Amino acid sequence: MKSPLSDAPWRRRLGGREVKRENPVRVLLVDDDPLMRRTGSRVIRRRLAVEVVVADGAFDAVARLRCGERYDLIVADLEMPGMDGFELIERVAEIAPDLPIGVWSGSDRVSLAEQRKLAFVVRKTRPIGELIDAMAYLLAERGARMETLRRSGFRSRARIDTPSHEGNGNGNGA
């Protein structure tokens, strides 16, 4: 099956083979259920051709962010022991306010106010293709938006780590 992101701005074809940028799109999948981590990461990798890092809970995810690991998207469950997904959303907003967070959860506790903070909400009872579609749309939109900013000459003091094959080869387009 062709990846919905195969024609995204950070990919190109050379001699019939796909060439990826030096810093591939990275997704942090946060779930306390080993089966959901294993299945979700496998399907996301296969369908979107992105790097998936798994965290076994919110504490693990926060530790990874505090250590400086870079991600383009976080996909998190809401119902986890210790620190739940709601607190994770608040912590991520403090550490990396521009990092989009999507929810993939069996919980129906997401209020309208909380949904406004999120890139997407997909229930685990829905087909996993809906998660893939939401992720593909978000990553393509984010990549196109950053590409437009780069072309307009926008420069930020913050490193821009979004999908692009243009620039100086270090992944930040500067």
N, C-alpha and C. Protein backbone atom coordinates (compact mmCIF):
# COMPACT_ATOMS: atom_id res chain seq x y z
N MET A 1 0.84 -1.18 0.00
CA MET A 1 0.00 0.00 0.00
C MET A 1 0.88 1.25 0.00
N LYS A 2 0.55 2.20 -0.83
CA LYS A 2 1.32 3.44 -0.93
C LYS A 2 1.08 4.30 0.31
N SER A 3 2.15 4.84 0.85
CA SER A 3 2.04 5.71 2.02
C SER A 3 1.37 7.02 1.63
N PRO A 4 0.44 7.53 2.47
CA PRO A 4 -0.18 8.82 2.18
C PRO A 4 0.83 9.95 2.19
N LEU A 5 2.01 9.72 2.74
CA LEU A 5 3.02 10.77 2.82
C LEU A 5 4.11 10.62 1.77
N SER A 6 3.95 9.68 0.85
CA SER A 6 5.04 9.43 -0.09
C SER A 6 5.32 10.61 -1.00
N ASP A 7 4.37 11.49 -1.19
CA ASP A 7 4.60 12.67 -2.02
C ASP A 7 4.74 13.93 -1.17
N ALA A 8 4.95 13.77 0.12
CA ALA A 8 5.08 14.91 1.02
C ALA A 8 6.34 15.71 0.68
N PRO A 9 6.41 16.97 1.11
CA PRO A 9 7.51 17.85 0.73
C PRO A 9 8.90 17.35 1.09
N TRP A 10 9.04 16.51 2.12
CA TRP A 10 10.37 16.10 2.52
C TRP A 10 10.83 14.81 1.85
N ARG A 11 10.06 14.32 0.92
CA ARG A 11 10.46 13.12 0.19
C ARG A 11 10.59 13.45 -1.30
N ARG A 12 11.47 12.76 -1.96
CA ARG A 12 11.60 12.92 -3.40
C ARG A 12 12.06 11.59 -3.99
N ARG A 13 11.93 11.46 -5.27
CA ARG A 13 12.32 10.22 -5.95
C ARG A 13 13.59 10.48 -6.76
N LEU A 14 14.54 9.57 -6.65
CA LEU A 14 15.75 9.61 -7.46
C LEU A 14 15.95 8.23 -8.05
N GLY A 15 15.90 8.14 -9.34
CA GLY A 15 16.13 6.86 -9.99
C GLY A 15 15.22 5.75 -9.49
N GLY A 16 13.97 6.10 -9.18
CA GLY A 16 13.01 5.11 -8.76
C GLY A 16 13.08 4.70 -7.30
N ARG A 17 14.06 5.25 -6.56
CA ARG A 17 14.10 4.90 -5.14
C ARG A 17 13.85 6.13 -4.29
N GLU A 18 13.22 5.91 -3.17
CA GLU A 18 12.85 7.02 -2.29
C GLU A 18 14.06 7.49 -1.50
N VAL A 19 14.23 8.80 -1.41
CA VAL A 19 15.32 9.38 -0.65
C VAL A 19 14.70 10.15 0.51
N LYS A 20 15.18 9.89 1.71
CA LYS A 20 14.66 10.57 2.89
C LYS A 20 15.62 11.67 3.31
N ARG A 21 15.09 12.66 4.00
CA ARG A 21 15.95 13.71 4.53
C ARG A 21 16.81 13.12 5.64
N GLU A 22 17.86 13.84 6.03
CA GLU A 22 18.77 13.35 7.06
C GLU A 22 18.08 13.17 8.39
N ASN A 23 17.17 14.06 8.74
CA ASN A 23 16.43 13.98 9.99
C ASN A 23 15.01 13.55 9.68
N PRO A 24 14.73 12.24 9.73
CA PRO A 24 13.38 11.78 9.37
C PRO A 24 12.32 12.27 10.35
N VAL A 25 11.09 12.23 9.91
CA VAL A 25 9.97 12.58 10.77
C VAL A 25 9.96 11.58 11.92
N ARG A 26 9.87 12.11 13.14
CA ARG A 26 9.88 11.26 14.33
C ARG A 26 8.57 11.44 15.09
N VAL A 27 7.97 10.31 15.43
CA VAL A 27 6.72 10.29 16.18
C VAL A 27 6.98 9.57 17.50
N LEU A 28 6.52 10.17 18.60
CA LEU A 28 6.61 9.53 19.90
C LEU A 28 5.24 8.96 20.23
N LEU A 29 5.15 7.64 20.33
CA LEU A 29 3.90 6.94 20.65
C LEU A 29 3.93 6.59 22.14
N VAL A 30 2.98 7.14 22.89
CA VAL A 30 2.95 6.97 24.35
C VAL A 30 1.73 6.15 24.74
N ASP A 31 1.97 4.95 25.28
CA ASP A 31 0.87 4.08 25.70
C ASP A 31 1.41 3.09 26.72
N ASP A 32 0.65 2.83 27.76
CA ASP A 32 1.09 1.88 28.77
C ASP A 32 0.83 0.42 28.37
N ASP A 33 0.03 0.20 27.35
CA ASP A 33 -0.32 -1.15 26.91
C ASP A 33 0.71 -1.64 25.88
N PRO A 34 1.48 -2.69 26.23
CA PRO A 34 2.51 -3.18 25.31
C PRO A 34 1.96 -3.60 23.94
N LEU A 35 0.77 -4.19 23.91
CA LEU A 35 0.18 -4.61 22.64
C LEU A 35 -0.13 -3.39 21.77
N MET A 36 -0.67 -2.34 22.36
CA MET A 36 -0.98 -1.13 21.59
C MET A 36 0.30 -0.46 21.09
N ARG A 37 1.35 -0.45 21.92
CA ARG A 37 2.63 0.13 21.49
C ARG A 37 3.19 -0.65 20.31
N ARG A 38 3.20 -1.97 20.44
CA ARG A 38 3.78 -2.82 19.40
C ARG A 38 2.98 -2.72 18.11
N THR A 39 1.67 -2.88 18.21
CA THR A 39 0.81 -2.84 17.02
C THR A 39 0.80 -1.45 16.40
N GLY A 40 0.59 -0.45 17.23
CA GLY A 40 0.53 0.93 16.74
C GLY A 40 1.81 1.35 16.05
N SER A 41 2.95 1.08 16.69
CA SER A 41 4.23 1.50 16.10
C SER A 41 4.48 0.78 14.78
N ARG A 42 4.15 -0.51 14.71
CA ARG A 42 4.36 -1.26 13.47
C ARG A 42 3.51 -0.71 12.33
N VAL A 43 2.23 -0.46 12.60
CA VAL A 43 1.33 0.05 11.55
C VAL A 43 1.73 1.46 11.13
N ILE A 44 2.05 2.32 12.09
CA ILE A 44 2.44 3.69 11.77
C ILE A 44 3.71 3.69 10.92
N ARG A 45 4.72 2.90 11.31
CA ARG A 45 5.97 2.82 10.53
C ARG A 45 5.69 2.36 9.10
N ARG A 46 4.90 1.29 8.99
CA ARG A 46 4.64 0.71 7.68
C ARG A 46 3.83 1.64 6.79
N ARG A 47 2.79 2.25 7.35
CA ARG A 47 1.87 3.05 6.53
C ARG A 47 2.37 4.46 6.25
N LEU A 48 3.14 5.05 7.18
CA LEU A 48 3.57 6.44 7.00
C LEU A 48 5.06 6.58 6.72
N ALA A 49 5.82 5.51 6.84
CA ALA A 49 7.26 5.55 6.61
C ALA A 49 7.93 6.63 7.46
N VAL A 50 7.61 6.65 8.75
CA VAL A 50 8.22 7.58 9.70
C VAL A 50 8.92 6.78 10.79
N GLU A 51 9.80 7.43 11.52
CA GLU A 51 10.45 6.80 12.66
C GLU A 51 9.51 6.89 13.86
N VAL A 52 9.24 5.77 14.50
CA VAL A 52 8.36 5.75 15.67
C VAL A 52 9.19 5.34 16.89
N VAL A 53 9.16 6.18 17.90
CA VAL A 53 9.79 5.88 19.19
C VAL A 53 8.65 5.62 20.16
N VAL A 54 8.76 4.57 20.96
CA VAL A 54 7.68 4.26 21.90
C VAL A 54 8.09 4.61 23.32
N ALA A 55 7.12 5.11 24.08
CA ALA A 55 7.30 5.39 25.50
C ALA A 55 6.23 4.59 26.23
N ASP A 56 6.61 3.94 27.33
CA ASP A 56 5.66 3.07 28.03
C ASP A 56 4.77 3.82 29.01
N GLY A 57 4.82 5.13 28.98
CA GLY A 57 3.96 5.94 29.83
C GLY A 57 4.34 7.40 29.74
N ALA A 58 3.57 8.22 30.42
CA ALA A 58 3.78 9.67 30.36
C ALA A 58 5.10 10.09 30.99
N PHE A 59 5.50 9.44 32.09
CA PHE A 59 6.78 9.79 32.73
C PHE A 59 7.94 9.56 31.77
N ASP A 60 7.91 8.43 31.06
CA ASP A 60 8.94 8.12 30.07
C ASP A 60 8.95 9.17 28.96
N ALA A 61 7.79 9.56 28.49
CA ALA A 61 7.70 10.57 27.42
C ALA A 61 8.28 11.91 27.87
N VAL A 62 7.92 12.35 29.07
CA VAL A 62 8.42 13.62 29.60
C VAL A 62 9.94 13.56 29.75
N ALA A 63 10.46 12.45 30.25
CA ALA A 63 11.91 12.30 30.41
C ALA A 63 12.62 12.41 29.06
N ARG A 64 12.06 11.79 28.03
CA ARG A 64 12.66 11.87 26.70
C ARG A 64 12.69 13.31 26.19
N LEU A 65 11.61 14.04 26.40
CA LEU A 65 11.56 15.44 25.97
C LEU A 65 12.55 16.29 26.75
N ARG A 66 12.64 16.09 28.05
CA ARG A 66 13.57 16.86 28.88
C ARG A 66 15.03 16.58 28.51
N CYS A 67 15.30 15.39 28.00
CA CYS A 67 16.66 15.05 27.56
C CYS A 67 17.00 15.64 26.20
N GLY A 68 16.05 16.31 25.60
CA GLY A 68 16.31 16.97 24.32
C GLY A 68 15.98 16.15 23.09
N GLU A 69 15.33 15.01 23.26
CA GLU A 69 14.94 14.25 22.07
C GLU A 69 13.94 15.06 21.26
N ARG A 70 14.08 15.02 19.93
CA ARG A 70 13.25 15.81 19.03
C ARG A 70 12.19 14.93 18.39
N TYR A 71 10.97 15.44 18.39
CA TYR A 71 9.85 14.74 17.74
C TYR A 71 9.04 15.74 16.93
N ASP A 72 8.38 15.23 15.90
CA ASP A 72 7.51 16.05 15.08
C ASP A 72 6.06 15.93 15.52
N LEU A 73 5.75 14.89 16.29
CA LEU A 73 4.38 14.64 16.74
C LEU A 73 4.41 13.66 17.91
N ILE A 74 3.53 13.89 18.87
CA ILE A 74 3.30 12.92 19.94
C ILE A 74 1.90 12.36 19.76
N VAL A 75 1.79 11.04 19.84
CA VAL A 75 0.49 10.37 19.83
C VAL A 75 0.39 9.65 21.17
N ALA A 76 -0.62 10.03 21.98
CA ALA A 76 -0.68 9.52 23.35
C ALA A 76 -2.05 8.97 23.71
N ASP A 77 -2.01 7.96 24.57
CA ASP A 77 -3.22 7.46 25.22
C ASP A 77 -3.55 8.42 26.36
N LEU A 78 -4.78 8.41 26.82
CA LEU A 78 -5.16 9.26 27.96
C LEU A 78 -5.15 8.50 29.27
N GLU A 79 -5.55 7.24 29.23
CA GLU A 79 -5.67 6.44 30.46
C GLU A 79 -4.38 5.66 30.68
N MET A 80 -3.51 6.20 31.54
CA MET A 80 -2.26 5.53 31.89
C MET A 80 -2.03 5.67 33.39
N PRO A 81 -1.39 4.68 34.01
CA PRO A 81 -1.13 4.78 35.45
C PRO A 81 -0.07 5.84 35.75
N GLY A 82 -0.09 6.35 36.96
CA GLY A 82 0.89 7.37 37.36
C GLY A 82 0.46 8.71 36.82
N MET A 83 1.10 9.15 35.77
CA MET A 83 0.73 10.40 35.10
C MET A 83 -0.15 10.03 33.90
N ASP A 84 -1.36 10.58 33.85
CA ASP A 84 -2.24 10.25 32.73
C ASP A 84 -1.96 11.16 31.53
N GLY A 85 -2.66 10.91 30.45
CA GLY A 85 -2.47 11.68 29.23
C GLY A 85 -2.81 13.14 29.36
N PHE A 86 -3.75 13.48 30.22
CA PHE A 86 -4.12 14.89 30.41
C PHE A 86 -2.96 15.67 31.02
N GLU A 87 -2.32 15.08 32.02
CA GLU A 87 -1.15 15.75 32.62
C GLU A 87 0.01 15.78 31.63
N LEU A 88 0.16 14.72 30.84
CA LEU A 88 1.20 14.71 29.81
C LEU A 88 1.02 15.89 28.86
N ILE A 89 -0.20 16.14 28.45
CA ILE A 89 -0.49 17.26 27.54
C ILE A 89 -0.02 18.57 28.16
N GLU A 90 -0.29 18.77 29.45
CA GLU A 90 0.13 19.99 30.14
C GLU A 90 1.66 20.08 30.23
N ARG A 91 2.31 18.97 30.53
CA ARG A 91 3.78 18.97 30.64
C ARG A 91 4.44 19.26 29.29
N VAL A 92 3.91 18.65 28.24
CA VAL A 92 4.47 18.89 26.91
C VAL A 92 4.31 20.36 26.53
N ALA A 93 3.18 20.96 26.88
CA ALA A 93 2.96 22.38 26.59
C ALA A 93 4.01 23.26 27.27
N GLU A 94 4.50 22.84 28.43
CA GLU A 94 5.55 23.59 29.14
C GLU A 94 6.92 23.37 28.51
N ILE A 95 7.22 22.14 28.12
CA ILE A 95 8.54 21.77 27.61
C ILE A 95 8.71 22.14 26.14
N ALA A 96 7.72 21.83 25.34
CA ALA A 96 7.79 22.02 23.88
C ALA A 96 6.44 22.53 23.38
N PRO A 97 6.16 23.82 23.59
CA PRO A 97 4.82 24.35 23.30
C PRO A 97 4.38 24.23 21.84
N ASP A 98 5.31 24.12 20.91
CA ASP A 98 4.94 24.02 19.49
C ASP A 98 4.81 22.58 19.00
N LEU A 99 5.05 21.62 19.87
CA LEU A 99 4.99 20.21 19.49
C LEU A 99 3.54 19.74 19.48
N PRO A 100 3.02 19.31 18.32
CA PRO A 100 1.63 18.86 18.27
C PRO A 100 1.43 17.53 18.99
N ILE A 101 0.27 17.41 19.64
CA ILE A 101 -0.09 16.19 20.35
C ILE A 101 -1.42 15.70 19.82
N GLY A 102 -1.45 14.45 19.44
CA GLY A 102 -2.70 13.80 19.05
C GLY A 102 -3.03 12.74 20.08
N VAL A 103 -4.31 12.48 20.26
CA VAL A 103 -4.75 11.47 21.22
C VAL A 103 -5.30 10.28 20.46
N TRP A 104 -4.84 9.10 20.86
CA TRP A 104 -5.36 7.82 20.37
C TRP A 104 -5.70 7.03 21.62
N SER A 105 -6.97 7.03 21.97
CA SER A 105 -7.37 6.50 23.27
C SER A 105 -8.75 5.88 23.23
N GLY A 106 -8.97 4.97 24.15
CA GLY A 106 -10.29 4.40 24.33
C GLY A 106 -11.16 5.26 25.24
N SER A 107 -10.57 6.26 25.85
CA SER A 107 -11.28 7.13 26.78
C SER A 107 -12.20 8.09 26.03
N ASP A 108 -13.34 8.37 26.64
CA ASP A 108 -14.24 9.36 26.06
C ASP A 108 -14.30 10.61 26.95
N ARG A 109 -13.27 10.80 27.77
CA ARG A 109 -13.23 11.91 28.72
C ARG A 109 -12.68 13.21 28.15
N VAL A 110 -12.44 13.31 26.88
CA VAL A 110 -11.87 14.51 26.29
C VAL A 110 -12.95 15.56 26.12
N SER A 111 -12.80 16.68 26.80
CA SER A 111 -13.78 17.76 26.69
C SER A 111 -13.48 18.61 25.47
N LEU A 112 -14.42 19.45 25.10
CA LEU A 112 -14.23 20.36 23.97
C LEU A 112 -13.03 21.27 24.22
N ALA A 113 -12.88 21.77 25.43
CA ALA A 113 -11.75 22.65 25.76
C ALA A 113 -10.43 21.92 25.58
N GLU A 114 -10.37 20.66 26.01
CA GLU A 114 -9.14 19.88 25.85
C GLU A 114 -8.87 19.57 24.39
N GLN A 115 -9.93 19.33 23.62
CA GLN A 115 -9.76 19.03 22.19
C GLN A 115 -9.10 20.20 21.47
N ARG A 116 -9.36 21.40 21.91
CA ARG A 116 -8.77 22.58 21.26
C ARG A 116 -7.25 22.62 21.40
N LYS A 117 -6.71 21.96 22.40
CA LYS A 117 -5.27 21.91 22.62
C LYS A 117 -4.61 20.82 21.78
N LEU A 118 -5.42 19.96 21.19
CA LEU A 118 -4.91 18.76 20.54
C LEU A 118 -4.93 18.87 19.02
N ALA A 119 -3.99 18.18 18.40
CA ALA A 119 -3.94 18.14 16.94
C ALA A 119 -5.07 17.28 16.39
N PHE A 120 -5.39 16.20 17.09
CA PHE A 120 -6.49 15.32 16.70
C PHE A 120 -6.84 14.41 17.87
N VAL A 121 -8.04 13.83 17.81
CA VAL A 121 -8.48 12.83 18.78
C VAL A 121 -9.08 11.68 17.97
N VAL A 122 -8.53 10.48 18.14
CA VAL A 122 -9.04 9.28 17.47
C VAL A 122 -9.28 8.23 18.55
N ARG A 123 -10.48 7.70 18.59
CA ARG A 123 -10.81 6.64 19.55
C ARG A 123 -10.20 5.32 19.09
N LYS A 124 -9.72 4.54 20.02
CA LYS A 124 -9.14 3.23 19.69
C LYS A 124 -10.17 2.26 19.15
N THR A 125 -11.45 2.55 19.37
CA THR A 125 -12.51 1.69 18.84
C THR A 125 -12.70 1.90 17.34
N ARG A 126 -12.14 2.96 16.78
CA ARG A 126 -12.23 3.24 15.35
C ARG A 126 -11.12 2.49 14.61
N PRO A 127 -11.27 2.27 13.31
CA PRO A 127 -10.21 1.61 12.54
C PRO A 127 -8.90 2.41 12.63
N ILE A 128 -7.78 1.70 12.69
CA ILE A 128 -6.49 2.37 12.83
C ILE A 128 -6.19 3.27 11.63
N GLY A 129 -6.84 3.00 10.51
CA GLY A 129 -6.68 3.87 9.34
C GLY A 129 -7.07 5.31 9.63
N GLU A 130 -8.01 5.52 10.55
CA GLU A 130 -8.38 6.89 10.91
C GLU A 130 -7.24 7.60 11.64
N LEU A 131 -6.50 6.85 12.46
CA LEU A 131 -5.32 7.42 13.11
C LEU A 131 -4.27 7.78 12.06
N ILE A 132 -4.03 6.87 11.14
CA ILE A 132 -3.04 7.10 10.09
C ILE A 132 -3.43 8.33 9.27
N ASP A 133 -4.69 8.45 8.90
CA ASP A 133 -5.15 9.61 8.12
C ASP A 133 -4.94 10.91 8.89
N ALA A 134 -5.28 10.92 10.18
CA ALA A 134 -5.11 12.13 10.99
C ALA A 134 -3.64 12.51 11.09
N MET A 135 -2.78 11.53 11.29
CA MET A 135 -1.34 11.80 11.37
C MET A 135 -0.79 12.29 10.04
N ALA A 136 -1.19 11.64 8.95
CA ALA A 136 -0.71 12.03 7.62
C ALA A 136 -1.11 13.47 7.30
N TYR A 137 -2.35 13.82 7.59
CA TYR A 137 -2.83 15.18 7.33
C TYR A 137 -2.03 16.18 8.14
N LEU A 138 -1.85 15.92 9.43
CA LEU A 138 -1.14 16.85 10.30
C LEU A 138 0.31 17.02 9.85
N LEU A 139 1.01 15.92 9.59
CA LEU A 139 2.41 16.01 9.20
C LEU A 139 2.59 16.69 7.86
N ALA A 140 1.71 16.41 6.90
CA ALA A 140 1.80 17.07 5.60
C ALA A 140 1.51 18.56 5.72
N GLU A 141 0.49 18.91 6.51
CA GLU A 141 0.14 20.32 6.70
C GLU A 141 1.27 21.07 7.40
N ARG A 142 1.84 20.46 8.41
CA ARG A 142 2.94 21.09 9.17
C ARG A 142 4.16 21.26 8.28
N GLY A 143 4.47 20.25 7.48
CA GLY A 143 5.61 20.34 6.57
C GLY A 143 5.41 21.42 5.53
N ALA A 144 4.22 21.52 4.96
CA ALA A 144 3.94 22.54 3.95
C ALA A 144 4.01 23.94 4.56
N ARG A 145 3.51 24.09 5.79
CA ARG A 145 3.53 25.39 6.46
C ARG A 145 4.97 25.84 6.71
N MET A 146 5.83 24.95 7.17
CA MET A 146 7.22 25.31 7.44
C MET A 146 7.97 25.57 6.14
N GLU A 147 7.64 24.83 5.09
CA GLU A 147 8.25 25.06 3.79
C GLU A 147 7.92 26.47 3.30
N THR A 148 6.68 26.91 3.47
CA THR A 148 6.26 28.26 3.09
C THR A 148 7.03 29.30 3.88
N LEU A 149 7.19 29.09 5.18
CA LEU A 149 7.95 30.04 6.00
C LEU A 149 9.40 30.12 5.55
N ARG A 150 10.00 28.99 5.25
CA ARG A 150 11.40 28.99 4.79
C ARG A 150 11.54 29.77 3.48
N ARG A 151 10.64 29.51 2.55
CA ARG A 151 10.72 30.19 1.25
C ARG A 151 10.51 31.69 1.36
N SER A 152 9.74 32.11 2.38
CA SER A 152 9.49 33.54 2.55
C SER A 152 10.65 34.24 3.25
N GLY A 153 11.66 33.47 3.64
CA GLY A 153 12.82 34.06 4.31
C GLY A 153 12.68 34.13 5.81
N PHE A 154 11.65 33.52 6.37
CA PHE A 154 11.45 33.53 7.82
C PHE A 154 12.63 32.87 8.51
N ARG A 155 13.13 33.52 9.54
CA ARG A 155 14.20 32.95 10.35
C ARG A 155 13.78 33.02 11.81
N SER A 156 13.94 31.94 12.48
CA SER A 156 13.60 31.88 13.90
C SER A 156 14.86 31.61 14.69
N ARG A 157 14.88 32.08 15.91
CA ARG A 157 16.02 31.75 16.78
C ARG A 157 15.95 30.29 17.19
N ALA A 158 14.76 29.72 17.14
CA ALA A 158 14.60 28.31 17.48
C ALA A 158 14.91 27.47 16.26
N ARG A 159 15.48 26.31 16.47
CA ARG A 159 15.75 25.40 15.36
C ARG A 159 14.43 24.85 14.86
N ILE A 160 14.24 24.89 13.56
CA ILE A 160 13.01 24.37 12.98
C ILE A 160 13.29 22.96 12.49
N ASP A 161 12.73 21.99 13.16
CA ASP A 161 12.93 20.59 12.80
C ASP A 161 11.65 20.04 12.22
N THR A 162 11.34 20.47 11.02
CA THR A 162 10.16 19.95 10.35
C THR A 162 10.57 19.39 9.02
N PRO A 163 9.73 18.59 8.42
CA PRO A 163 10.08 17.90 7.19
C PRO A 163 10.48 18.83 6.07
N SER A 164 11.67 18.58 5.51
CA SER A 164 12.12 19.33 4.35
C SER A 164 13.31 18.62 3.74
N HIS A 165 13.43 18.67 2.44
CA HIS A 165 14.63 18.15 1.80
C HIS A 165 15.46 19.29 1.25
N GLU A 166 14.99 20.52 1.44
CA GLU A 166 15.73 21.69 0.99
C GLU A 166 16.61 22.19 2.12
N GLY A 167 17.42 23.15 1.83
CA GLY A 167 18.25 23.75 2.86
C GLY A 167 19.67 23.26 2.74
N ASN A 168 20.40 23.32 3.85
CA ASN A 168 21.81 23.01 3.81
C ASN A 168 22.14 21.57 4.17
N GLY A 169 21.10 20.74 4.30
CA GLY A 169 21.35 19.34 4.58
C GLY A 169 21.38 18.99 6.06
N ASN A 170 21.27 20.00 6.94
CA ASN A 170 21.28 19.68 8.36
C ASN A 170 19.88 19.56 8.93
N GLY A 171 18.84 19.64 8.08
CA GLY A 171 17.48 19.42 8.52
C GLY A 171 16.78 20.64 9.04
N ASN A 172 17.50 21.78 9.17
CA ASN A 172 16.82 22.95 9.70
C ASN A 172 16.65 24.04 8.66
N GLY A 173 17.10 23.82 7.46
CA GLY A 173 16.86 24.75 6.36
C GLY A 173 17.59 26.06 6.47
N ALA A 174 18.45 26.26 7.47
CA ALA A 174 19.16 27.53 7.64
C ALA A 174 20.42 27.57 6.83
